[in-house]
Every structure is written in structure tokens, then in C-alpha cells.
Amino acid sequence: MSRKDPCQKQACEIQKCLQANNYLESKCEAVLQEMRKCCARYKGRSVCCSGFEREEREREKVKLASEG
């Protein structure tokens, strides 16, 4: 039996929020933050987090480049 994605609930909440707010990410910052927390908690175990994990890697690259 397949397991439910641990961050699927947060991913659905993001979609609902974006649809309700004309796809303005700024209106959905709270649900986006909850998704980031979930992705950090379940790193590598949630298919829903692929974009957020990529975002985090890019953020780390920028941080390292600015320090070096």
C-alpha cells in the first residue's frame, strides 16, 4: 500500500490559497511558510516538496556566493 505524501495537505492549501487570491503569492505567505516547514521536516520524503527543495538549494548557493 502506498503512503500518503507527508506534505500533500500543505500543497493543497497553497493551491486553494492561490486560487482564492488571484495567484498572488504575497497573499499566501503563511501557507507557503507552512509548506517550507513541512519540506524541511520531511526532506527528501515528499514529492510535493521538489520545487521548495530546489528553491532552498538556490538560496544556499546565493548565500555561499555572497560570503565568498
Protein backbone atom coordinates (compact mmCIF):
# COMPACT_ATOMS: atom_id res chain seq x y z
CA MET A 1 0.00 0.00 0.00
CA SER A 2 1.42 3.42 -0.92
CA ARG A 3 1.86 6.05 1.76
CA LYS A 4 0.33 9.48 1.60
CA ASP A 5 2.80 12.28 0.89
CA PRO A 6 3.55 13.94 4.25
CA CYS A 7 3.29 17.46 2.78
CA GLN A 8 0.30 16.90 0.49
CA LYS A 9 -2.06 18.74 2.85
CA GLN A 10 0.14 21.86 2.76
CA ALA A 11 0.47 21.65 -1.02
CA CYS A 12 -3.32 21.57 -1.35
CA GLU A 13 -3.64 24.54 1.00
CA ILE A 14 -1.24 26.51 -1.22
CA GLN A 15 -3.33 25.73 -4.30
CA LYS A 16 -6.55 26.77 -2.55
CA CYS A 17 -4.98 29.99 -1.29
CA LEU A 18 -3.50 30.91 -4.66
CA GLN A 19 -6.79 30.26 -6.45
CA ALA A 20 -8.69 32.36 -3.90
CA ASN A 21 -6.21 35.23 -4.20
CA ASN A 22 -5.72 35.51 -7.99
CA TYR A 23 -2.39 33.67 -7.75
CA LEU A 24 -0.71 36.43 -5.73
CA GLU A 25 1.96 34.62 -3.72
CA SER A 26 2.23 37.55 -1.32
CA LYS A 27 -1.31 36.82 -0.10
CA CYS A 28 -0.35 33.22 0.71
CA GLU A 29 2.91 33.72 2.57
CA ALA A 30 1.62 31.93 5.71
CA VAL A 31 0.69 28.74 3.85
CA LEU A 32 3.92 28.90 1.84
CA GLN A 33 5.87 29.10 5.10
CA GLU A 34 3.99 26.06 6.45
CA MET A 35 4.97 24.17 3.30
CA ARG A 36 8.63 25.17 3.76
CA LYS A 37 8.49 23.89 7.36
CA CYS A 38 6.96 20.60 6.24
CA CYS A 39 9.55 20.19 3.49
CA ALA A 40 12.37 20.86 5.95
CA ARG A 41 10.93 18.29 8.32
CA TYR A 42 10.42 15.59 5.66
CA LYS A 43 13.42 16.43 3.46
CA GLY A 44 13.66 14.01 0.56
CA ARG A 45 10.49 12.13 1.53
CA SER A 46 7.86 14.35 -0.10
CA VAL A 47 7.29 14.56 -3.84
CA CYS A 48 5.30 17.76 -3.22
CA CYS A 49 8.48 19.45 -1.97
CA SER A 50 10.61 19.16 -5.10
CA GLY A 51 10.22 22.85 -6.01
CA PHE A 52 10.75 24.01 -2.45
CA GLU A 53 13.89 21.92 -2.07
CA ARG A 54 15.22 23.37 -5.33
CA GLU A 55 14.42 26.87 -4.02
CA GLU A 56 16.36 26.11 -0.83
CA ARG A 57 19.39 24.87 -2.78
CA GLU A 58 19.37 28.05 -4.88
CA ARG A 59 19.13 30.18 -1.74
CA GLU A 60 22.15 28.35 -0.28
CA LYS A 61 24.16 28.94 -3.48
CA VAL A 62 23.43 32.67 -3.34
CA LYS A 63 24.34 32.78 0.34
CA LEU A 64 27.65 30.99 -0.26
CA ALA A 65 28.49 33.20 -3.23
CA SER A 66 27.85 36.37 -1.23
CA GLU A 67 30.06 35.12 1.62
CA GLY A 68 32.92 34.10 -0.68
